[in-house]
Amino acid sequence: FLHFSYSCYVDSTGISGGLALRWNDEVDLQVHAKSQIMFRCVLTATGVAMAWLVTFLYALPCWNDRKIFWINLQHMAVTNRYPWLWLGGFNEIGWSWK
Protein backbone atom coordinates (compact mmCIF):
# COMPACT_ATOMS: atom_id res chain seq x y z
CA PHE A 1 0.00 0.00 0.00
CA LEU A 2 2.53 2.69 1.04
CA HIS A 3 5.96 1.82 -0.26
CA PHE A 4 8.89 3.82 1.02
CA SER A 5 12.58 3.05 0.65
CA TYR A 6 13.68 4.59 3.95
CA SER A 7 12.28 5.27 7.39
CA CYS A 8 13.22 6.60 10.80
CA TYR A 9 11.25 6.06 14.02
CA VAL A 10 10.97 7.31 17.56
CA ASP A 11 9.27 4.77 19.81
CA SER A 12 6.27 5.73 21.90
CA THR A 13 6.66 6.41 25.61
CA GLY A 14 3.77 5.29 27.76
CA ILE A 15 0.54 6.53 26.22
CA SER A 16 2.22 9.21 24.11
CA GLY A 17 2.59 8.16 20.51
CA GLY A 18 5.89 7.85 18.71
CA LEU A 19 6.94 9.51 15.48
CA ALA A 20 7.63 8.03 12.08
CA LEU A 21 9.30 9.58 9.06
CA ARG A 22 9.40 7.82 5.68
CA TRP A 23 10.81 8.84 2.30
CA ASN A 24 11.83 7.54 -1.13
CA ASP A 25 14.83 7.79 -3.40
CA GLU A 26 13.69 11.08 -4.95
CA VAL A 27 15.29 12.92 -2.05
CA ASP A 28 18.45 12.49 -0.03
CA LEU A 29 17.34 12.94 3.57
CA GLN A 30 19.91 12.74 6.35
CA VAL A 31 18.41 12.60 9.84
CA HIS A 32 20.76 14.62 12.06
CA ALA A 33 18.71 14.47 15.26
CA LYS A 34 15.48 12.97 16.51
CA SER A 35 13.46 13.21 19.70
CA GLN A 36 9.96 12.55 21.01
CA ILE A 37 8.73 15.68 19.23
CA MET A 38 10.87 16.19 16.12
CA PHE A 39 13.15 15.00 13.36
CA ARG A 40 15.86 17.45 12.30
CA CYS A 41 17.06 16.59 8.79
CA VAL A 42 19.15 17.91 5.94
CA LEU A 43 17.36 17.47 2.62
CA THR A 44 18.74 17.57 -0.89
CA ALA A 45 16.64 16.83 -3.97
CA THR A 46 17.28 16.35 -7.65
CA GLY A 47 17.28 19.69 -9.44
CA VAL A 48 17.63 21.73 -6.24
CA ALA A 49 20.85 23.72 -6.03
CA MET A 50 21.33 23.67 -2.29
CA ALA A 51 20.51 21.63 0.78
CA TRP A 52 17.74 22.57 3.21
CA LEU A 53 17.32 22.03 6.90
CA VAL A 54 13.88 20.45 7.39
CA THR A 55 12.38 20.04 10.84
CA PHE A 56 9.37 17.72 11.09
CA LEU A 57 7.73 18.33 14.43
CA TYR A 58 4.84 17.82 16.77
CA ALA A 59 5.00 20.28 19.65
CA LEU A 60 3.70 19.12 23.00
CA PRO A 61 0.34 20.57 24.10
CA CYS A 62 1.53 21.56 27.61
CA TRP A 63 2.55 25.25 27.81
CA ASN A 64 5.71 24.65 29.90
CA ASP A 65 6.94 22.00 27.45
CA ARG A 66 6.20 24.26 24.46
CA LYS A 67 8.12 27.11 26.10
CA ILE A 68 11.23 24.90 26.22
CA PHE A 69 10.51 23.78 22.65
CA TRP A 70 10.52 27.41 21.39
CA ILE A 71 13.78 28.13 23.23
CA ASN A 72 15.35 25.08 21.56
CA LEU A 73 14.11 26.21 18.13
CA GLN A 74 15.65 29.64 18.69
CA HIS A 75 18.97 27.96 19.49
CA MET A 76 18.73 25.88 16.32
CA ALA A 77 18.06 29.04 14.31
CA VAL A 78 21.27 30.65 15.58
CA THR A 79 23.40 27.64 14.65
CA ASN A 80 21.70 26.84 11.32
CA ARG A 81 23.48 27.52 8.02
CA TYR A 82 20.79 26.25 5.61
CA PRO A 83 17.45 27.57 4.37
CA TRP A 84 15.00 26.15 6.92
CA LEU A 85 11.58 24.59 6.53
CA TRP A 86 9.42 23.55 9.51
CA LEU A 87 6.57 21.08 8.97
CA GLY A 88 4.14 19.72 11.51
CA GLY A 89 1.95 20.70 14.41
CA PHE A 90 3.04 23.56 16.64
CA ASN A 91 0.07 23.39 19.07
CA GLU A 92 0.01 27.20 19.07
CA ILE A 93 -2.75 29.70 18.39
CA GLY A 94 -1.58 32.30 15.90
CA TRP A 95 -4.62 34.55 16.22
CA SER A 96 -7.61 34.64 18.54
CA TRP A 97 -10.81 36.55 17.95
CA LYS A 98 -14.28 36.55 19.46
C-alpha atoms as a PDB file:
ATOM      1  CA  PHE A   1       0.000   0.000   0.000  1.00  0.00           C
ATOM      2  CA  LEU A   2       2.533   2.692   1.036  1.00  0.00           C
ATOM      3  CA  HIS A   3       5.956   1.822  -0.262  1.00  0.00           C
ATOM      4  CA  PHE A   4       8.894   3.819   1.023  1.00  0.00           C
ATOM      5  CA  SER A   5      12.578   3.054   0.653  1.00  0.00           C
ATOM      6  CA  TYR A   6      13.680   4.593   3.954  1.00  0.00           C
ATOM      7  CA  SER A   7      12.278   5.268   7.388  1.00  0.00           C
ATOM      8  CA  CYS A   8      13.216   6.601  10.801  1.00  0.00           C
ATOM      9  CA  TYR A   9      11.248   6.056  14.016  1.00  0.00           C
ATOM     10  CA  VAL A  10      10.971   7.307  17.559  1.00  0.00           C
ATOM     11  CA  ASP A  11       9.267   4.767  19.807  1.00  0.00           C
ATOM     12  CA  SER A  12       6.265   5.725  21.899  1.00  0.00           C
ATOM     13  CA  THR A  13       6.663   6.413  25.606  1.00  0.00           C
ATOM     14  CA  GLY A  14       3.766   5.287  27.758  1.00  0.00           C
ATOM     15  CA  ILE A  15       0.543   6.527  26.219  1.00  0.00           C
ATOM     16  CA  SER A  16       2.225   9.212  24.110  1.00  0.00           C
ATOM     17  CA  GLY A  17       2.595   8.163  20.508  1.00  0.00           C
ATOM     18  CA  GLY A  18       5.890   7.855  18.714  1.00  0.00           C
ATOM     19  CA  LEU A  19       6.940   9.511  15.481  1.00  0.00           C
ATOM     20  CA  ALA A  20       7.628   8.033  12.075  1.00  0.00           C
ATOM     21  CA  LEU A  21       9.303   9.584   9.061  1.00  0.00           C
ATOM     22  CA  ARG A  22       9.405   7.818   5.680  1.00  0.00           C
ATOM     23  CA  TRP A  23      10.807   8.839   2.300  1.00  0.00           C
ATOM     24  CA  ASN A  24      11.827   7.541  -1.127  1.00  0.00           C
ATOM     25  CA  ASP A  25      14.833   7.785  -3.400  1.00  0.00           C
ATOM     26  CA  GLU A  26      13.691  11.084  -4.953  1.00  0.00           C
ATOM     27  CA  VAL A  27      15.290  12.920  -2.052  1.00  0.00           C
ATOM     28  CA  ASP A  28      18.446  12.487  -0.032  1.00  0.00           C
ATOM     29  CA  LEU A  29      17.343  12.936   3.566  1.00  0.00           C
ATOM     30  CA  GLN A  30      19.907  12.739   6.353  1.00  0.00           C
ATOM     31  CA  VAL A  31      18.409  12.601   9.840  1.00  0.00           C
ATOM     32  CA  HIS A  32      20.764  14.621  12.057  1.00  0.00           C
ATOM     33  CA  ALA A  33      18.710  14.468  15.259  1.00  0.00           C
ATOM     34  CA  LYS A  34      15.483  12.974  16.509  1.00  0.00           C
ATOM     35  CA  SER A  35      13.462  13.212  19.699  1.00  0.00           C
ATOM     36  CA  GLN A  36       9.957  12.545  21.007  1.00  0.00           C
ATOM     37  CA  ILE A  37       8.735  15.683  19.225  1.00  0.00           C
ATOM     38  CA  MET A  38      10.871  16.192  16.121  1.00  0.00           C
ATOM     39  CA  PHE A  39      13.146  15.004  13.358  1.00  0.00           C
ATOM     40  CA  ARG A  40      15.865  17.447  12.296  1.00  0.00           C
ATOM     41  CA  CYS A  41      17.062  16.589   8.785  1.00  0.00           C
ATOM     42  CA  VAL A  42      19.147  17.915   5.938  1.00  0.00           C
ATOM     43  CA  LEU A  43      17.358  17.474   2.618  1.00  0.00           C
ATOM     44  CA  THR A  44      18.741  17.575  -0.895  1.00  0.00           C
ATOM     45  CA  ALA A  45      16.644  16.831  -3.966  1.00  0.00           C
ATOM     46  CA  THR A  46      17.275  16.351  -7.652  1.00  0.00           C
ATOM     47  CA  GLY A  47      17.283  19.690  -9.435  1.00  0.00           C
ATOM     48  CA  VAL A  48      17.629  21.732  -6.243  1.00  0.00           C
ATOM     49  CA  ALA A  49      20.851  23.718  -6.034  1.00  0.00           C
ATOM     50  CA  MET A  50      21.335  23.674  -2.285  1.00  0.00           C
ATOM     51  CA  ALA A  51      20.512  21.626   0.776  1.00  0.00           C
ATOM     52  CA  TRP A  52      17.737  22.572   3.205  1.00  0.00           C
ATOM     53  CA  LEU A  53      17.321  22.027   6.902  1.00  0.00           C
ATOM     54  CA  VAL A  54      13.878  20.454   7.390  1.00  0.00           C
ATOM     55  CA  THR A  55      12.378  20.036  10.844  1.00  0.00           C
ATOM     56  CA  PHE A  56       9.375  17.723  11.088  1.00  0.00           C
ATOM     57  CA  LEU A  57       7.731  18.334  14.434  1.00  0.00           C
ATOM     58  CA  TYR A  58       4.837  17.821  16.765  1.00  0.00           C
ATOM     59  CA  ALA A  59       5.002  20.277  19.650  1.00  0.00           C
ATOM     60  CA  LEU A  60       3.701  19.123  23.002  1.00  0.00           C
ATOM     61  CA  PRO A  61       0.338  20.567  24.103  1.00  0.00           C
ATOM     62  CA  CYS A  62       1.531  21.561  27.608  1.00  0.00           C
ATOM     63  CA  TRP A  63       2.548  25.251  27.809  1.00  0.00           C
ATOM     64  CA  ASN A  64       5.714  24.654  29.901  1.00  0.00           C
ATOM     65  CA  ASP A  65       6.942  22.003  27.446  1.00  0.00           C
ATOM     66  CA  ARG A  66       6.204  24.262  24.464  1.00  0.00           C
ATOM     67  CA  LYS A  67       8.122  27.106  26.098  1.00  0.00           C
ATOM     68  CA  ILE A  68      11.230  24.897  26.223  1.00  0.00           C
ATOM     69  CA  PHE A  69      10.507  23.784  22.651  1.00  0.00           C
ATOM     70  CA  TRP A  70      10.523  27.413  21.387  1.00  0.00           C
ATOM     71  CA  ILE A  71      13.776  28.133  23.232  1.00  0.00           C
ATOM     72  CA  ASN A  72      15.350  25.084  21.560  1.00  0.00           C
ATOM     73  CA  LEU A  73      14.113  26.208  18.127  1.00  0.00           C
ATOM     74  CA  GLN A  74      15.651  29.636  18.692  1.00  0.00           C
ATOM     75  CA  HIS A  75      18.968  27.961  19.493  1.00  0.00           C
ATOM     76  CA  MET A  76      18.735  25.877  16.322  1.00  0.00           C
ATOM     77  CA  ALA A  77      18.061  29.039  14.309  1.00  0.00           C
ATOM     78  CA  VAL A  78      21.267  30.653  15.578  1.00  0.00           C
ATOM     79  CA  THR A  79      23.398  27.636  14.646  1.00  0.00           C
ATOM     80  CA  ASN A  80      21.697  26.843  11.318  1.00  0.00           C
ATOM     81  CA  ARG A  81      23.480  27.519   8.022  1.00  0.00           C
ATOM     82  CA  TYR A  82      20.790  26.251   5.611  1.00  0.00           C
ATOM     83  CA  PRO A  83      17.451  27.568   4.371  1.00  0.00           C
ATOM     84  CA  TRP A  84      15.005  26.150   6.917  1.00  0.00           C
ATOM     85  CA  LEU A  85      11.576  24.589   6.528  1.00  0.00           C
ATOM     86  CA  TRP A  86       9.418  23.550   9.506  1.00  0.00           C
ATOM     87  CA  LEU A  87       6.572  21.077   8.974  1.00  0.00           C
ATOM     88  CA  GLY A  88       4.138  19.718  11.505  1.00  0.00           C
ATOM     89  CA  GLY A  89       1.947  20.700  14.412  1.00  0.00           C
ATOM     90  CA  PHE A  90       3.035  23.558  16.641  1.00  0.00           C
ATOM     91  CA  ASN A  91       0.075  23.394  19.069  1.00  0.00           C
ATOM     92  CA  GLU A  92       0.013  27.202  19.067  1.00  0.00           C
ATOM     93  CA  ILE A  93      -2.746  29.703  18.390  1.00  0.00           C
ATOM     94  CA  GLY A  94      -1.584  32.295  15.898  1.00  0.00           C
ATOM     95  CA  TRP A  95      -4.619  34.550  16.220  1.00  0.00           C
ATOM     96  CA  SER A  96      -7.606  34.641  18.536  1.00  0.00           C
ATOM     97  CA  TRP A  97     -10.811  36.546  17.953  1.00  0.00           C
ATOM     98  CA  LYS A  98     -14.284  36.547  19.463  1.00  0.00           C
END
